């Protein structure tokens, strides 16, 4: 990192942060949006779909985008994506039908997919091994801290009007000149033979584990706001503050990753994160006072910080320089497929158990699954 200009590092950090903004900026608006469109049938489902529809688009198209970006160029792709990121992201300020809002969110997903693929692959281009792990820890921490401001700011704005948090997406236009001035394509002229030989076929398993991680972690933004606002009668700003504590600890978890990686394998770190998520979910199931969420949110946030940084570094360690953009596309697809699938897969359980009991059931289930995995010693990926 010593030889890379600070403005380039800052631009990489801010570019990665746009992917964090894709959902968290409007998360506290969703219960208020549901009230605004209360006359629309199935609005309970549509309100959650506002959060996850971009994820479906990303999951379906990220692999195709990876091939396109490889040919078109990362910098040009990022510049175009940032413009439309702001155009479609801010649509909640002026569109007034649930159908048009959902369409705009789908188009917004295309932009986020492009930015995430570019951001992830550039980290692989600019950094090697230990430096990469260290920078990814800082990057994830930076994204998490940004998430704190987006969630708290979005919470306060949603208390004024549910539309206002959509204005946060104007940040894409602010980033345009920074990307134009500071980012450059890394031209690969020579590939070392050992870099090809060290690539593992287990990358497909890493994709799957990334999907499982996001499937579980995305329960936090899709279900916690409804639990806080509807059952515990929290305001949007208070709910945003609780979720922001998760993002703060997400940053700590991301920073902790590089230290954990010196002692443990990728697979062991994944299990550590899974146990922490199980602990957080189980504890949520027993909460009877809203202030106890300030205990559970940090646990879940810390786990998310470790696991997200871990699976990303894991994926980058199993791909070659030439295949990095395309591998990042498939990886992005798996992450966002997990986001989209989360409310759909878990909705029947919420209908059966009620939302707070749902957390208890999932938490206990994860404890059992993780314990079986550890005892059986079948978690053999390196």
Protein backbone atom coordinates (compact mmCIF):
# COMPACT_ATOMS: atom_id res chain seq x y z
CA UNK A 1 0.00 0.00 0.00
CA UNK A 2 3.03 2.26 0.40
CA UNK A 3 3.47 2.77 -3.36
CA UNK A 4 -0.18 3.56 -4.07
CA UNK A 5 -1.21 7.26 -3.88
CA UNK A 6 -3.55 8.12 -1.02
CA UNK A 7 -6.17 9.55 -3.37
CA UNK A 8 -6.28 6.23 -5.21
CA UNK A 9 -6.78 4.39 -1.91
CA UNK A 10 -9.52 6.82 -0.91
CA UNK A 11 -11.26 6.38 -4.26
CA UNK A 12 -11.16 2.58 -3.91
CA UNK A 13 -12.64 2.87 -0.42
CA UNK A 14 -15.44 5.21 -1.53
CA UNK A 15 -16.21 3.07 -4.57
CA UNK A 16 -16.63 0.01 -2.37
CA UNK A 17 -18.87 2.02 -0.04
CA UNK A 18 -21.43 2.53 -2.83
CA UNK A 19 -22.18 -1.20 -2.67
CA UNK A 20 -22.89 -0.87 1.05
CA UNK A 21 -25.26 2.03 0.30
CA UNK A 22 -27.29 -0.09 -2.12
CA UNK A 23 -29.70 -1.13 0.60
CA UNK A 24 -28.87 0.32 4.00
CA UNK A 25 -29.64 3.94 3.06
CA UNK A 26 -33.37 3.21 2.75
CA UNK A 27 -33.76 0.36 5.24
CA UNK A 28 -35.61 2.48 7.84
CA UNK A 29 -37.89 3.93 5.14
CA UNK A 30 -39.51 0.60 4.38
CA UNK A 31 -42.03 0.48 7.26
CA UNK A 32 -43.05 4.07 6.41
CA UNK A 33 -43.25 3.23 2.70
CA UNK A 34 -45.55 0.35 3.64
CA UNK A 35 -47.85 2.81 5.42
CA UNK A 36 -47.82 5.20 2.44
CA UNK A 37 -48.90 2.42 0.08
CA UNK A 38 -51.23 0.75 2.58
CA UNK A 39 -53.98 0.55 -0.06
CA UNK A 40 -51.79 -1.71 -2.24
CA UNK A 41 -52.41 -5.41 -1.77
CA UNK A 42 -49.36 -7.45 -0.67
CA UNK A 43 -47.53 -4.24 0.28
CA UNK A 44 -45.87 -6.16 3.15
CA UNK A 45 -44.06 -8.25 0.55
CA UNK A 46 -43.46 -5.37 -1.89
CA UNK A 47 -41.90 -3.20 0.81
CA UNK A 48 -39.30 -5.88 1.50
CA UNK A 49 -38.88 -6.39 -2.25
CA UNK A 50 -37.75 -2.75 -2.51
CA UNK A 51 -34.71 -3.82 -0.53
CA UNK A 52 -34.04 -7.14 -2.25
CA UNK A 53 -35.07 -6.65 -5.90
CA UNK A 54 -31.73 -5.03 -6.78
CA UNK A 55 -30.12 -8.13 -5.29
CA UNK A 56 -32.04 -10.40 -7.67
CA UNK A 57 -30.96 -8.34 -10.69
CA UNK A 58 -27.37 -8.40 -9.48
CA UNK A 59 -27.51 -12.15 -8.86
CA UNK A 60 -28.87 -12.86 -12.34
CA UNK A 61 -26.72 -10.46 -14.34
CA UNK A 62 -23.42 -10.15 -12.43
CA UNK A 63 -21.77 -13.08 -14.26
CA UNK A 64 -22.71 -11.53 -17.63
CA UNK A 65 -21.56 -8.11 -16.46
CA UNK A 66 -18.24 -9.62 -15.40
CA UNK A 67 -17.55 -10.68 -19.00
CA UNK A 68 -18.70 -7.27 -20.32
CA UNK A 69 -16.57 -5.29 -17.86
CA UNK A 70 -13.53 -7.41 -18.75
CA UNK A 71 -13.87 -6.27 -22.37
CA UNK A 72 -15.19 -2.74 -21.86
CA UNK A 73 -12.77 -1.73 -19.11
CA UNK A 74 -13.18 -1.29 -15.36
CA UNK A 75 -12.79 2.48 -15.21
CA UNK A 76 -15.26 3.25 -18.01
CA UNK A 77 -17.74 0.76 -16.54
CA UNK A 78 -17.47 2.41 -13.12
CA UNK A 79 -18.03 5.92 -14.50
CA UNK A 80 -21.20 4.93 -16.37
CA UNK A 81 -22.48 2.90 -13.42
CA UNK A 82 -21.99 5.79 -10.97
CA UNK A 83 -24.10 8.15 -13.10
CA UNK A 84 -27.00 5.74 -13.34
CA UNK A 85 -26.50 4.73 -9.69
CA UNK A 86 -27.58 8.24 -8.73
CA UNK A 87 -30.29 8.50 -11.40
CA UNK A 88 -32.10 5.30 -10.45
CA UNK A 89 -31.15 5.35 -6.76
CA UNK A 90 -32.85 8.70 -6.13
CA UNK A 91 -36.08 7.67 -7.91
CA UNK A 92 -37.87 7.38 -4.58
CA UNK A 93 -37.79 11.17 -4.40
CA UNK A 94 -40.13 11.61 -7.35
CA UNK A 95 -41.83 8.35 -8.40
CA UNK A 96 -45.25 7.73 -6.92
CA UNK A 97 -46.30 4.18 -7.74
CA UNK A 98 -45.00 0.97 -6.25
CA UNK A 99 -44.56 -0.50 -9.75
CA UNK A 100 -42.32 2.32 -10.99
CA UNK A 101 -40.33 2.25 -7.75
CA UNK A 102 -39.68 -1.47 -8.12
CA UNK A 103 -38.59 -1.04 -11.76
CA UNK A 104 -36.18 1.72 -10.77
CA UNK A 105 -34.75 -0.49 -8.01
CA UNK A 106 -34.18 -3.27 -10.55
CA UNK A 107 -32.24 -0.91 -12.85
CA UNK A 108 -30.38 0.40 -9.81
CA UNK A 109 -29.26 -3.18 -9.19
CA UNK A 110 -27.42 -3.22 -12.52
CA UNK A 111 -25.35 -0.25 -11.40
CA UNK A 112 -24.51 -1.76 -8.02
CA UNK A 113 -23.46 -5.05 -9.64
CA UNK A 114 -21.06 -3.20 -11.93
CA UNK A 115 -19.56 -1.18 -9.09
CA UNK A 116 -19.08 -4.21 -6.88
CA UNK A 117 -17.38 -6.25 -9.61
CA UNK A 118 -15.06 -3.35 -10.46
CA UNK A 119 -14.30 -2.63 -6.80
CA UNK A 120 -13.55 -6.26 -5.90
CA UNK A 121 -11.39 -6.97 -8.93
CA UNK A 122 -9.39 -3.74 -8.53
CA UNK A 123 -8.43 -4.78 -5.00
CA UNK A 124 -7.07 -7.98 -6.49
CA UNK A 125 -5.18 -5.97 -9.13
CA UNK A 126 -3.62 -3.42 -6.78
CA UNK A 127 -2.66 -5.65 -3.85
CA UNK A 128 -0.96 -8.98 -3.19
CA UNK A 129 -1.67 -11.53 -0.43
CA UNK A 130 -0.95 -9.99 3.03
CA UNK A 131 -1.36 -6.41 1.76
CA UNK A 132 -4.64 -7.46 0.19
CA UNK A 133 -5.92 -8.95 3.44
CA UNK A 134 -4.92 -5.82 5.34
CA UNK A 135 -6.48 -3.44 2.82
CA UNK A 136 -9.67 -5.51 2.64
CA UNK A 137 -9.96 -5.22 6.40
CA UNK A 138 -9.69 -1.43 6.13
CA UNK A 139 -12.05 -1.41 3.15
CA UNK A 140 -14.73 -3.41 4.98
CA UNK A 141 -14.28 -1.22 8.04
CA UNK A 142 -14.63 1.93 5.93
CA UNK A 143 -17.79 0.53 4.34
CA UNK A 144 -19.21 -0.32 7.75
CA UNK A 145 -18.49 3.13 9.16
CA UNK A 146 -20.11 4.63 6.07
CA UNK A 147 -23.06 2.37 6.75
CA UNK A 148 -23.40 3.93 10.21
CA UNK A 149 -23.90 7.39 8.71
CA UNK A 150 -26.24 6.09 6.02
CA UNK A 151 -28.44 4.18 8.46
CA UNK A 152 -28.58 6.92 11.10
CA UNK A 153 -29.03 9.64 8.47
CA UNK A 154 -31.63 7.56 6.68
CA UNK A 155 -33.42 6.95 9.98
CA UNK A 156 -33.69 10.66 10.79
CA UNK A 157 -34.74 11.51 7.24
CA UNK A 158 -37.36 8.74 7.18
CA UNK A 159 -38.97 10.22 10.31
CA UNK A 160 -39.45 13.44 8.33
CA UNK A 161 -40.59 11.78 5.11
CA UNK A 162 -40.09 8.27 3.76
CA UNK A 163 -38.81 9.68 0.44
CA UNK A 164 -35.88 11.70 1.79
CA UNK A 165 -33.39 8.85 2.41
CA UNK A 166 -33.38 8.15 -1.36
CA UNK A 167 -31.51 11.44 -1.78
CA UNK A 168 -28.42 9.83 -0.23
CA UNK A 169 -27.80 8.10 -3.56
CA UNK A 170 -26.69 11.42 -5.09
CA UNK A 171 -23.31 10.41 -3.67
CA UNK A 172 -22.69 8.57 -6.96
CA UNK A 173 -22.38 11.89 -8.79
CA UNK A 174 -19.91 13.14 -6.18
CA UNK A 175 -17.68 10.12 -6.80
CA UNK A 176 -17.58 10.55 -10.58
CA UNK A 177 -14.69 13.06 -10.70
CA UNK A 178 -12.68 11.07 -8.15
CA UNK A 179 -12.94 7.87 -10.17
CA UNK A 180 -12.14 9.69 -13.39
CA UNK A 181 -9.05 11.35 -11.94
CA UNK A 182 -7.59 8.61 -9.76
CA UNK A 183 -8.39 5.10 -10.97
CA UNK A 184 -6.38 3.37 -13.66
CA UNK A 185 -6.49 0.00 -15.36
CA UNK A 186 -3.80 -2.42 -14.22
CA UNK A 187 -2.23 -3.90 -17.34
CA UNK A 188 -1.14 -7.50 -16.83
CA UNK A 189 1.70 -8.42 -19.16
CA UNK A 190 3.21 -11.43 -17.44
CA UNK A 191 1.54 -14.11 -15.32
CA UNK A 192 3.74 -16.19 -13.08
CA UNK A 193 3.34 -19.93 -13.54
CA UNK A 194 2.90 -20.62 -9.83
CA UNK A 195 -0.02 -18.20 -9.67
CA UNK A 196 -1.93 -20.45 -12.06
CA UNK A 197 -0.90 -23.65 -10.32
CA UNK A 198 -2.05 -22.43 -6.89
CA UNK A 199 -5.64 -21.85 -7.98
CA UNK A 200 -7.99 -24.33 -6.30
CA UNK A 201 -11.03 -25.98 -7.82
CA UNK A 202 -12.81 -25.32 -4.53
CA UNK A 203 -13.79 -21.83 -5.67
CA UNK A 204 -17.30 -23.16 -6.38
CA UNK A 205 -17.59 -24.12 -2.72
CA UNK A 206 -16.51 -20.60 -1.74
CA UNK A 207 -19.26 -19.19 -3.95
CA UNK A 208 -21.78 -21.41 -2.15
CA UNK A 209 -20.53 -20.40 1.31
CA UNK A 210 -20.72 -16.73 0.29
CA UNK A 211 -24.38 -17.31 -0.64
CA UNK A 212 -25.09 -18.96 2.75
CA UNK A 213 -23.36 -16.15 4.62
CA UNK A 214 -25.41 -13.46 2.91
CA UNK A 215 -28.62 -15.48 3.20
CA UNK A 216 -28.19 -15.40 6.98
CA UNK A 217 -26.67 -11.96 7.46
CA UNK A 218 -29.31 -10.20 5.38
CA UNK A 219 -31.90 -11.20 7.95
CA UNK A 220 -30.57 -8.20 9.90
CA UNK A 221 -31.65 -5.38 7.52
CA UNK A 222 -34.78 -7.14 6.17
CA UNK A 223 -36.33 -8.23 9.47
CA UNK A 224 -34.86 -6.24 12.38
CA UNK A 225 -36.40 -2.85 11.34
CA UNK A 226 -39.87 -4.42 11.26
CA UNK A 227 -39.30 -6.05 14.65
CA UNK A 228 -38.05 -2.78 16.14
CA UNK A 229 -40.67 -0.47 14.64
CA UNK A 230 -43.75 -2.69 14.68
CA UNK A 231 -43.31 -4.75 17.87
CA UNK A 232 -41.09 -2.52 20.00
CA UNK A 233 -42.55 0.76 18.62
CA UNK A 234 -39.15 2.30 17.89
CA UNK A 235 -38.86 5.44 15.78
CA UNK A 236 -37.02 5.31 12.48
CA UNK A 237 -34.08 7.20 13.98
CA UNK A 238 -33.88 4.88 17.00
CA UNK A 239 -34.05 1.81 14.77
CA UNK A 240 -31.34 3.35 12.59
CA UNK A 241 -29.14 3.91 15.62
CA UNK A 242 -29.44 0.28 16.70
CA UNK A 243 -28.60 -0.96 13.22
CA UNK A 244 -25.72 1.53 13.09
CA UNK A 245 -24.13 -0.16 16.12
CA UNK A 246 -24.04 -3.32 14.03
CA UNK A 247 -22.17 -1.46 11.29
CA UNK A 248 -19.68 -0.04 13.78
CA UNK A 249 -18.88 -3.51 15.06
CA UNK A 250 -18.88 -4.73 11.46
CA UNK A 251 -15.88 -2.44 11.00
CA UNK A 252 -14.16 -3.97 14.03
CA UNK A 253 -14.79 -7.46 12.70
CA UNK A 254 -13.35 -6.52 9.31
CA UNK A 255 -10.20 -5.15 10.93
CA UNK A 256 -9.93 -8.27 13.11
CA UNK A 257 -9.93 -10.49 10.00
CA UNK A 258 -6.30 -9.85 9.03
CA UNK A 259 -5.17 -10.82 12.54
CA UNK A 260 -7.35 -13.93 12.56
CA UNK A 261 -6.01 -14.95 9.15
CA UNK A 262 -2.47 -15.19 10.53
CA UNK A 263 -3.67 -17.92 12.93
CA UNK A 264 -6.62 -19.64 11.26
CA UNK A 265 -7.64 -20.94 7.85
CA UNK A 266 -10.44 -19.36 5.81
CA UNK A 267 -12.75 -22.25 6.74
CA UNK A 268 -12.12 -21.90 10.48
CA UNK A 269 -12.76 -18.16 10.36
CA UNK A 270 -16.03 -18.88 8.53
CA UNK A 271 -17.10 -21.20 11.36
CA UNK A 272 -16.20 -18.58 13.98
CA UNK A 273 -18.43 -16.07 12.20
CA UNK A 274 -21.25 -18.61 11.92
CA UNK A 275 -21.14 -19.27 15.66
CA UNK A 276 -21.33 -15.54 16.39
CA UNK A 277 -24.36 -15.15 14.10
CA UNK A 278 -26.01 -18.08 15.89
CA UNK A 279 -25.36 -16.38 19.23
CA UNK A 280 -26.76 -13.06 17.99
CA UNK A 281 -29.94 -14.57 16.52
CA UNK A 282 -30.61 -16.69 19.59
CA UNK A 283 -30.22 -13.69 21.88
CA UNK A 284 -32.64 -11.63 19.77
CA UNK A 285 -35.20 -14.37 20.35
CA UNK A 286 -35.16 -13.69 24.10
CA UNK A 287 -35.19 -9.87 24.08
CA UNK A 288 -38.04 -8.19 25.98
CA UNK A 289 -36.54 -4.70 26.21
CA UNK A 290 -35.58 -2.66 23.15
CA UNK A 291 -32.30 -1.53 24.69
CA UNK A 292 -31.02 -5.11 24.67
CA UNK A 293 -30.70 -4.76 20.90
CA UNK A 294 -27.58 -2.72 21.64
CA UNK A 295 -26.07 -6.02 22.78
CA UNK A 296 -27.23 -8.26 19.93
CA UNK A 297 -26.54 -5.84 17.07
CA UNK A 298 -22.80 -5.56 17.85
CA UNK A 299 -22.50 -9.37 17.92
CA UNK A 300 -24.18 -9.73 14.53
CA UNK A 301 -22.24 -6.81 13.07
CA UNK A 302 -18.88 -8.15 14.24
CA UNK A 303 -19.69 -11.56 12.77
CA UNK A 304 -20.68 -9.98 9.47
CA UNK A 305 -17.45 -7.99 9.30
CA UNK A 306 -15.34 -11.10 9.77
CA UNK A 307 -17.31 -13.25 7.34
CA UNK A 308 -17.68 -10.77 4.49
CA UNK A 309 -13.98 -9.93 4.45
CA UNK A 310 -13.14 -13.62 4.82
CA UNK A 311 -15.22 -14.91 1.89
CA UNK A 312 -14.02 -12.09 -0.39
CA UNK A 313 -10.35 -12.75 0.40
CA UNK A 314 -11.01 -16.48 0.07
CA UNK A 315 -12.43 -16.00 -3.42
CA UNK A 316 -9.57 -13.75 -4.56
CA UNK A 317 -7.03 -16.31 -3.34
CA UNK A 318 -8.54 -18.93 -5.65
CA UNK A 319 -8.55 -17.07 -8.97
CA UNK A 320 -5.96 -15.92 -11.49
CA UNK A 321 -5.24 -12.37 -12.60
CA UNK A 322 -6.90 -12.89 -15.98
CA UNK A 323 -10.01 -14.48 -14.49
CA UNK A 324 -10.35 -12.03 -11.59
CA UNK A 325 -13.10 -9.85 -13.12
CA UNK A 326 -15.18 -12.83 -14.20
CA UNK A 327 -14.67 -14.61 -10.86
CA UNK A 328 -15.72 -11.41 -9.08
CA UNK A 329 -18.86 -11.41 -11.23
CA UNK A 330 -19.84 -14.92 -10.15
CA UNK A 331 -18.95 -14.12 -6.54
CA UNK A 332 -21.07 -10.96 -6.62
CA UNK A 333 -23.91 -12.99 -8.09
CA UNK A 334 -23.79 -15.46 -5.21
CA UNK A 335 -23.70 -12.73 -2.57
CA UNK A 336 -26.68 -10.88 -3.95
CA UNK A 337 -28.61 -14.08 -4.66
CA UNK A 338 -28.29 -14.64 -0.92
CA UNK A 339 -29.64 -11.14 -0.27
CA UNK A 340 -32.62 -11.62 -2.55
CA UNK A 341 -33.38 -15.11 -1.29
CA UNK A 342 -33.19 -14.22 2.39
CA UNK A 343 -36.70 -12.71 2.90
CA UNK A 344 -38.27 -15.19 0.47
CA UNK A 345 -36.79 -18.32 2.08
CA UNK A 346 -37.39 -17.14 5.62
CA UNK A 347 -40.84 -15.56 5.13
CA UNK A 348 -42.74 -18.87 5.64
CA UNK A 349 -40.89 -19.40 8.93
CA UNK A 350 -41.85 -15.90 10.09
CA UNK A 351 -45.48 -16.67 9.24
CA UNK A 352 -45.29 -19.83 11.36
CA UNK A 353 -43.25 -18.69 14.33
CA UNK A 354 -43.76 -14.87 14.49
CA UNK A 355 -40.75 -12.70 13.82
CA UNK A 356 -39.02 -12.80 17.22
CA UNK A 357 -39.46 -16.55 17.68
CA UNK A 358 -38.08 -16.93 14.15
CA UNK A 359 -34.73 -15.49 15.32
CA UNK A 360 -34.61 -18.01 18.16
CA UNK A 361 -35.34 -20.95 15.86
CA UNK A 362 -32.73 -19.91 13.28
CA UNK A 363 -30.12 -19.21 15.97
CA UNK A 364 -30.55 -22.59 17.63
CA UNK A 365 -30.54 -24.29 14.23
CA UNK A 366 -27.21 -22.65 13.36
CA UNK A 367 -25.69 -23.77 16.66
CA UNK A 368 -26.67 -27.36 15.88
CA UNK A 369 -25.41 -27.25 12.29
CA UNK A 370 -22.08 -25.68 13.29
CA UNK A 371 -21.57 -28.14 16.13
CA UNK A 372 -22.20 -31.09 13.80
CA UNK A 373 -19.76 -29.63 11.27
CA UNK A 374 -17.01 -29.21 13.87
CA UNK A 375 -17.50 -32.65 15.38
CA UNK A 376 -17.67 -34.46 12.06
CA UNK A 377 -14.54 -32.64 10.84
CA UNK A 378 -15.91 -32.47 7.32
CA UNK A 379 -15.27 -28.78 6.87
CA UNK A 380 -12.08 -29.48 4.96
CA UNK A 381 -11.66 -26.48 2.61
CA UNK A 382 -8.33 -24.75 3.11
